[in-house]
Amino acid sequence: MLRFKFFASTIPLIVAALYAHGGWAPVARPCISIGETSVQMAPGPWQPHLDVSFTNDPALATVRVQIVDGAEAADFTVVDDIDSIEANSCEVTGATRFVAIAAYPSPAEPVIYLSHDGNADYRIFVRSKAFTPREAAALIAGAGGNGHAGMSAAAL
């Protein structure tokens, strides 16, 4: 009987721990790898090192990102056809930078204008199950906007 009580009392703790950690299975979070570090979408609001926001007014933007129709025209390309997550694709280390998309622009943080129009700082091509164009643009801004520096995209 004592074993049953112990077992019954631990089940709520296990469920609470799994819920707090994100569930039973790992969730794919967009990330990019830059040399020895990575830039990832923050899993929760308590973790971002950088908040980025989006605007519909190009005059308010600090970073302009164009969505292009082909990988050959892009500075940064994300293409995946995977159903599972690659192990260690973007490991979390002390150097990992987390990025979150804020609801409202802040003058101290990057403000991104994402469009199909030209006159952009960076061009992206995204065909992915794990990334949206907004997330790819946010990661580029989180990486310092350096879309030319040998970045590789993955899903953590």
Protein backbone atom coordinates (compact mmCIF):
# COMPACT_ATOMS: atom_id res chain seq x y z
CA MET A 1 0.00 0.00 0.00
CA LEU A 2 2.86 2.35 0.79
CA ARG A 3 4.34 1.75 -2.69
CA PHE A 4 1.03 2.68 -4.31
CA LYS A 5 0.81 5.93 -2.32
CA PHE A 6 4.38 6.81 -3.27
CA PHE A 7 3.69 6.05 -6.93
CA ALA A 8 0.41 7.99 -6.91
CA SER A 9 2.10 11.01 -5.32
CA THR A 10 4.92 11.14 -7.90
CA ILE A 11 2.73 11.06 -11.02
CA PRO A 12 1.51 14.68 -10.64
CA LEU A 13 5.11 15.81 -10.16
CA ILE A 14 6.27 14.03 -13.30
CA VAL A 15 3.39 15.47 -15.35
CA ALA A 16 4.10 18.98 -14.01
CA ALA A 17 7.80 18.65 -14.86
CA LEU A 18 7.07 17.48 -18.39
CA TYR A 19 4.56 20.28 -18.91
CA ALA A 20 7.01 22.90 -17.64
CA HIS A 21 9.78 21.51 -19.87
CA GLY A 22 7.62 21.52 -22.99
CA GLY A 23 5.91 18.16 -23.15
CA TRP A 24 6.78 14.55 -23.92
CA ALA A 25 8.70 15.10 -27.14
CA PRO A 26 11.23 17.75 -28.08
CA VAL A 27 9.76 20.68 -29.95
CA ALA A 28 11.57 21.93 -33.04
CA ARG A 29 12.76 25.50 -32.46
CA PRO A 30 14.28 27.37 -35.35
CA CYS A 31 17.96 28.10 -34.95
CA ILE A 32 20.99 29.04 -36.99
CA SER A 33 24.56 28.00 -36.37
CA ILE A 34 27.33 30.59 -36.72
CA GLY A 35 30.77 29.17 -36.14
CA GLU A 36 30.96 28.00 -32.52
CA THR A 37 27.66 29.54 -31.40
CA SER A 38 24.01 29.44 -32.35
CA VAL A 39 21.08 31.83 -32.45
CA GLN A 40 17.75 30.29 -31.50
CA MET A 41 14.15 31.31 -31.10
CA ALA A 42 13.56 31.57 -27.36
CA PRO A 43 11.40 28.79 -25.94
CA GLY A 44 9.74 31.17 -23.48
CA PRO A 45 9.46 34.85 -22.63
CA TRP A 46 11.90 34.56 -19.73
CA GLN A 47 14.82 33.61 -21.96
CA PRO A 48 15.35 36.09 -24.81
CA HIS A 49 18.59 38.01 -25.00
CA LEU A 50 17.16 40.03 -27.86
CA ASP A 51 13.63 41.04 -28.77
CA VAL A 52 12.91 41.86 -32.39
CA SER A 53 9.69 43.19 -33.81
CA PHE A 54 8.13 43.62 -37.22
CA THR A 55 6.62 46.63 -38.91
CA ASN A 56 4.54 47.24 -42.03
CA ASP A 57 6.16 50.66 -42.48
CA PRO A 58 9.60 50.49 -44.14
CA ALA A 59 10.46 53.95 -42.74
CA LEU A 60 10.31 52.55 -39.18
CA ALA A 61 12.51 49.52 -39.93
CA THR A 62 16.11 49.14 -38.86
CA VAL A 63 16.48 45.89 -40.85
CA ARG A 64 14.84 45.23 -44.22
CA VAL A 65 14.44 41.60 -45.27
CA GLN A 66 13.14 40.51 -48.66
CA ILE A 67 11.51 37.12 -49.24
CA VAL A 68 12.75 35.86 -52.62
CA ASP A 69 11.36 33.11 -54.85
CA GLY A 70 14.56 31.12 -55.34
CA ALA A 71 17.56 30.02 -53.29
CA GLU A 72 20.01 31.37 -55.88
CA ALA A 73 18.85 34.95 -55.20
CA ALA A 74 19.03 34.65 -51.40
CA ASP A 75 21.67 35.65 -48.87
CA PHE A 76 20.19 33.16 -46.39
CA THR A 77 18.38 29.96 -47.40
CA VAL A 78 16.33 27.60 -45.28
CA VAL A 79 15.17 24.41 -46.98
CA ASP A 80 14.18 21.26 -45.17
CA ASP A 81 12.08 18.24 -45.92
CA ILE A 82 12.53 16.52 -42.60
CA ASP A 83 9.91 15.09 -40.30
CA SER A 84 12.30 14.54 -37.40
CA ILE A 85 14.79 16.66 -35.55
CA GLU A 86 18.51 16.26 -36.22
CA ALA A 87 20.45 15.50 -33.07
CA ASN A 88 22.79 18.31 -31.96
CA SER A 89 21.84 20.55 -34.88
CA CYS A 90 22.09 23.65 -32.67
CA GLU A 91 23.37 22.86 -29.23
CA VAL A 92 22.62 25.25 -26.40
CA THR A 93 25.85 26.54 -24.89
CA GLY A 94 26.84 29.56 -22.85
CA ALA A 95 27.39 31.43 -26.12
CA THR A 96 23.89 30.68 -27.48
CA ARG A 97 21.85 33.81 -28.17
CA PHE A 98 18.08 33.62 -27.85
CA VAL A 99 15.72 35.78 -29.90
CA ALA A 100 12.03 36.47 -29.30
CA ILE A 101 9.51 38.27 -31.47
CA ALA A 102 8.03 41.15 -29.47
CA ALA A 103 4.49 42.36 -29.97
CA TYR A 104 5.49 46.03 -30.12
CA PRO A 105 8.56 47.75 -31.58
CA SER A 106 11.21 49.16 -29.28
CA PRO A 107 13.67 51.80 -30.47
CA ALA A 108 16.48 49.92 -28.70
CA GLU A 109 15.83 46.62 -30.51
CA PRO A 110 15.81 45.62 -34.21
CA VAL A 111 12.62 46.42 -36.10
CA ILE A 112 12.23 44.27 -39.22
CA TYR A 113 10.38 45.13 -42.40
CA LEU A 114 9.66 41.82 -44.16
CA SER A 115 8.33 41.95 -47.71
CA HIS A 116 8.62 40.59 -51.24
CA ASP A 117 9.76 43.99 -52.49
CA GLY A 118 13.36 44.86 -53.31
CA ASN A 119 15.54 47.45 -51.55
CA ALA A 120 16.37 45.09 -48.69
CA ASP A 121 19.41 44.62 -46.50
CA TYR A 122 19.08 40.83 -46.69
CA ARG A 123 17.28 38.37 -48.94
CA ILE A 124 15.90 35.07 -47.63
CA PHE A 125 14.43 31.97 -49.21
CA VAL A 126 12.43 29.76 -46.85
CA ARG A 127 10.83 26.42 -47.65
CA SER A 128 10.61 24.70 -44.31
CA LYS A 129 8.48 22.71 -41.92
CA ALA A 130 10.30 24.20 -38.92
CA PHE A 131 10.88 27.85 -39.94
CA THR A 132 8.56 30.64 -41.00
CA PRO A 133 9.95 33.60 -42.96
CA ARG A 134 9.34 35.78 -39.86
CA GLU A 135 11.43 33.42 -37.72
CA ALA A 136 14.22 33.32 -40.30
CA ALA A 137 14.27 37.14 -40.43
CA ALA A 138 14.26 37.32 -36.62
CA LEU A 139 17.22 34.92 -36.42
CA ILE A 140 19.18 36.94 -38.99
CA ALA A 141 18.58 40.09 -36.93
CA GLY A 142 19.56 38.18 -33.78
CA ALA A 143 22.77 37.06 -35.43
CA GLY A 144 23.67 40.66 -35.99
CA GLY A 145 22.13 40.75 -39.43
CA ASN A 146 25.11 39.04 -40.98
CA GLY A 147 23.41 36.89 -43.57
CA HIS A 148 26.68 36.34 -45.43
CA ALA A 149 28.83 34.84 -42.67
CA GLY A 150 28.52 31.12 -43.26
CA MET A 151 25.31 30.55 -41.33
CA SER A 152 23.60 27.24 -41.54
CA ALA A 153 20.00 26.73 -40.57
CA ALA A 154 18.58 23.89 -38.52
CA ALA A 155 15.78 23.07 -36.16
CA LEU A 156 16.60 22.25 -32.57
